[in-house]
Protein backbone atom coordinates (compact mmCIF):
# COMPACT_ATOMS: atom_id res chain seq x y z
CA PRO A 1 15.25 -6.29 -41.20
CA ASN A 2 12.66 -3.54 -40.75
CA LEU A 3 11.51 -4.59 -37.27
CA VAL A 4 8.33 -2.87 -36.04
CA CYS A 5 6.46 -3.49 -32.82
CA LYS A 6 2.93 -2.12 -32.27
CA PHE A 7 0.60 -1.95 -29.27
CA GLY A 8 -2.82 -1.59 -30.85
CA GLU A 9 -2.26 1.09 -33.50
CA LYS A 10 0.71 2.72 -31.74
CA ARG A 11 4.19 1.92 -33.01
CA ALA A 12 6.82 1.29 -30.38
CA GLU A 13 10.57 1.43 -30.23
CA SER A 14 11.85 -2.11 -30.63
CA ALA A 15 15.11 -4.05 -30.68
CA PHE A 16 16.06 -7.49 -31.99
CA MET A 17 17.75 -9.36 -29.13
CA SER A 18 17.92 -12.95 -30.44
CA SER A 19 16.00 -15.46 -32.57
CA SER A 20 13.60 -15.93 -29.62
CA LEU A 21 13.55 -12.45 -28.05
CA ILE A 22 12.46 -9.00 -29.21
CA ARG A 23 12.30 -6.06 -26.81
CA CYS A 24 9.51 -3.49 -27.32
CA ASN A 25 9.20 -0.29 -25.28
CA VAL A 26 5.56 0.32 -24.41
CA PRO A 27 4.26 3.62 -25.81
CA ASN A 28 1.80 5.88 -23.99
CA LEU A 29 -1.49 3.93 -24.01
CA MET A 30 -5.05 4.35 -22.84
CA PRO A 31 -6.15 2.00 -20.03
CA GLY A 32 -7.23 -1.43 -21.28
CA GLN A 33 -5.93 -4.24 -23.45
CA ALA A 34 -3.89 -3.68 -26.59
CA ALA A 35 -2.80 -6.35 -29.07
CA VAL A 36 0.95 -6.64 -29.47
CA GLU A 37 1.85 -6.94 -33.16
CA LEU A 38 5.21 -7.59 -34.81
CA SER A 39 6.44 -6.96 -38.32
CA PHE A 40 9.76 -7.88 -39.82
CA ASP A 41 9.17 -6.03 -43.12
CA GLY A 42 7.40 -2.93 -41.79
CA SER A 43 4.05 -3.74 -43.42
CA THR A 44 2.94 -7.32 -42.64
CA PHE A 45 2.05 -7.72 -38.96
CA VAL A 46 1.62 -10.85 -36.87
CA THR A 47 -0.64 -10.51 -33.83
CA GLY A 48 0.90 -11.74 -30.60
CA PRO A 49 -0.27 -11.60 -27.01
CA TYR A 50 -2.32 -8.83 -25.42
CA PHE A 51 -0.86 -6.19 -23.16
CA LEU A 52 -2.94 -4.75 -20.30
CA ALA A 53 -2.32 -1.02 -19.76
CA LEU A 54 -3.23 0.08 -16.25
CA ASP A 55 -4.19 3.54 -15.00
CA ALA A 56 -1.46 5.20 -12.99
CA ILE A 57 -1.96 4.79 -9.26
CA GLU A 58 -1.24 7.74 -7.01
CA VAL A 59 -1.02 7.66 -3.24
CA ASP A 60 -1.10 10.97 -1.37
CA SER A 61 -1.40 9.77 2.23
CA ILE A 62 -1.41 6.74 4.47
CA SER A 63 -3.25 6.59 7.77
CA PRO A 64 -2.32 5.55 10.32
CA SER A 65 1.38 5.68 9.48
CA ARG A 66 2.28 3.32 12.32
CA GLY A 67 0.86 0.28 14.05
CA PRO A 68 1.76 -2.71 16.20
CA VAL A 69 4.24 -5.38 15.15
CA VAL A 70 1.50 -7.96 15.81
CA GLY A 71 -0.19 -6.70 12.63
CA SER A 72 -3.86 -6.42 11.72
CA ALA A 73 -4.04 -2.60 11.96
CA ILE A 74 -6.36 -1.34 9.20
CA VAL A 75 -4.37 1.05 7.00
CA THR A 76 -6.09 3.50 4.62
CA LEU A 77 -4.33 4.78 1.51
CA ILE A 78 -5.77 7.93 -0.08
CA GLY A 79 -4.91 8.80 -3.66
CA GLY A 80 -6.31 8.13 -7.11
CA GLY A 81 -6.68 5.57 -9.87
CA PHE A 82 -7.82 2.73 -7.60
CA GLU A 83 -9.96 0.09 -9.30
CA ALA A 84 -11.41 -3.02 -7.72
CA SER A 85 -9.30 -6.05 -8.57
CA GLU A 86 -8.61 -9.36 -6.89
CA SER A 87 -4.94 -8.76 -7.71
CA LEU A 88 -4.72 -5.41 -5.87
CA ALA A 89 -2.51 -5.83 -2.81
CA CYS A 90 -0.46 -3.83 -0.32
CA VAL A 91 3.17 -4.79 0.24
CA PHE A 92 4.89 -3.67 3.44
CA GLY A 93 8.69 -3.51 3.10
CA ASP A 94 10.62 -6.17 1.23
CA SER A 95 8.17 -8.86 2.31
CA ALA A 96 7.08 -11.35 -0.30
CA GLU A 97 3.72 -11.36 1.50
CA HIS A 98 1.07 -9.42 -0.39
CA VAL A 99 -1.90 -8.28 1.71
CA GLN A 100 -5.22 -8.14 -0.15
CA ALA A 101 -6.39 -4.53 -0.57
CA GLN A 102 -10.04 -3.51 -0.66
CA VAL A 103 -11.12 -0.56 -2.80
CA ILE A 104 -13.50 1.69 -0.90
CA THR A 105 -13.71 4.39 -3.59
CA SER A 106 -11.56 5.34 -6.60
CA THR A 107 -9.55 7.48 -4.15
CA SER A 108 -9.43 5.21 -1.08
CA ILE A 109 -8.27 1.66 -0.35
CA VAL A 110 -7.74 -0.25 2.89
CA CYS A 111 -5.56 -3.19 3.84
CA ALA A 112 -4.52 -4.88 7.07
CA ALA A 113 -0.88 -4.47 8.06
CA PRO A 114 0.84 -7.87 8.35
CA ARG A 115 2.72 -9.20 11.39
CA GLN A 116 6.30 -7.94 11.58
CA ALA A 117 9.25 -9.59 13.36
CA GLY A 118 10.26 -6.39 15.18
CA ALA A 119 9.95 -2.64 15.27
CA SER A 120 10.95 -1.04 11.96
CA ARG A 121 9.97 1.57 9.38
CA VAL A 122 9.19 0.09 5.95
CA HIS A 123 8.19 1.42 2.55
CA VAL A 124 4.69 0.64 1.33
CA ALA A 125 4.01 -0.53 -2.22
CA LEU A 126 0.92 -1.50 -4.16
CA SER A 127 0.85 -4.53 -6.40
CA VAL A 128 -1.63 -4.84 -9.28
CA HIS A 129 -1.52 -7.88 -11.57
CA GLY A 130 1.95 -8.60 -10.20
CA LEU A 131 3.30 -5.14 -11.06
CA ARG A 132 4.72 -3.36 -8.04
CA SER A 133 4.18 0.36 -7.70
CA ASP A 134 6.19 2.00 -4.94
CA VAL A 135 4.31 4.51 -2.85
CA PRO A 136 6.20 7.54 -1.52
CA MET A 137 5.01 6.68 2.00
CA SER A 138 6.30 4.54 4.82
CA TYR A 139 4.72 2.63 7.68
CA GLU A 140 6.28 2.17 11.10
CA PHE A 141 5.83 -1.08 13.00
CA VAL A 142 6.07 -0.42 16.75
CA GLU A 143 6.26 -2.66 19.79
CA PRO A 144 2.99 -2.71 21.76
CA ALA A 145 2.68 -0.30 24.66
CA ILE A 146 2.93 -1.84 28.12
CA ALA A 147 1.32 -0.29 31.20
CA MET A 148 3.20 -1.28 34.38
CA SER A 149 1.64 0.84 37.10
CA ALA A 150 -0.87 3.63 37.76
CA GLU A 151 -0.64 6.36 40.43
CA PRO A 152 -2.87 6.79 42.28
CA SER A 153 -4.38 3.33 41.99
CA MET A 154 -7.80 4.44 43.31
CA GLY A 155 -10.16 7.41 43.06
CA GLY A 156 -13.73 8.59 43.54
CA LEU A 157 -16.74 7.10 41.71
CA LEU A 158 -17.54 10.43 40.03
CA GLY A 159 -14.19 10.45 38.20
CA GLY A 160 -11.91 13.43 37.63
CA THR A 161 -8.89 12.01 39.48
CA PRO A 162 -5.70 12.58 37.44
CA VAL A 163 -3.92 9.23 37.04
CA THR A 164 -0.32 8.82 35.86
CA VAL A 165 0.37 5.56 34.02
CA HIS A 166 3.97 4.30 33.95
CA GLY A 167 5.17 1.89 31.30
CA GLN A 168 6.91 1.74 27.95
CA GLY A 169 6.15 2.16 24.27
CA PHE A 170 3.72 5.09 24.70
CA MET A 171 3.44 7.35 21.65
CA ALA A 172 1.52 10.49 20.85
CA ALA A 173 -1.60 9.97 18.74
CA GLU A 174 -1.53 10.89 15.04
CA GLY A 175 -3.59 13.69 13.54
CA ASP A 176 -7.01 14.08 15.13
CA ALA A 177 -6.87 10.72 16.91
CA ALA A 178 -7.03 10.86 20.69
CA LEU A 179 -5.17 8.64 23.09
CA GLU A 180 -7.45 7.05 25.62
CA CYS A 181 -7.13 5.41 29.00
CA MET A 182 -9.73 2.74 29.68
CA PHE A 183 -11.15 2.29 33.16
CA GLY A 184 -13.31 -0.80 32.78
CA ASN A 185 -15.76 0.15 30.00
CA ALA A 186 -15.28 3.92 30.51
CA SER A 187 -12.66 5.88 28.60
CA SER A 188 -10.85 9.13 29.27
CA VAL A 189 -8.65 11.24 26.98
CA ALA A 190 -4.95 10.79 27.76
CA ARG A 191 -1.77 12.79 27.11
CA VAL A 192 1.77 11.51 26.51
């Protein structure tokens, strides 16, 4: 038979697999829906289902690239091709859990990192209409920092006393972010 598969007006490479299965390789398409058509004689076509062609999604950066294992850190992905969709989701690692993503602009989306069982570095993926698109970025889940003691434990009201905090899980801030020590409602820049 002269098997032909078309997406809209574009012919596609196709293969007869069985009486109930034909495999068609999707050609280069413009974003949007295209009717899938089949012909067994090369000239008479039968219209089948519609295929939704999506714009390519690019991710150039992820910020922050780490957050607590308890989850809920707001993660921003910067890139291109983002369109608002209820099906747009972030996937952290091999988790089956998809976290709803919110499009801020066509180049920026945000999502909340999920809870993780323990510290680990995972790959980040985007899912649109159930199609998973791996992002060349990773996210590190870290144990929360714990402050155990401060030396000295007192100082003057006017501030300026250097205080050393002892504990575990302290990490340097990323990029332009500053680490802070909180003294009641007042904050002070910290160094690790």
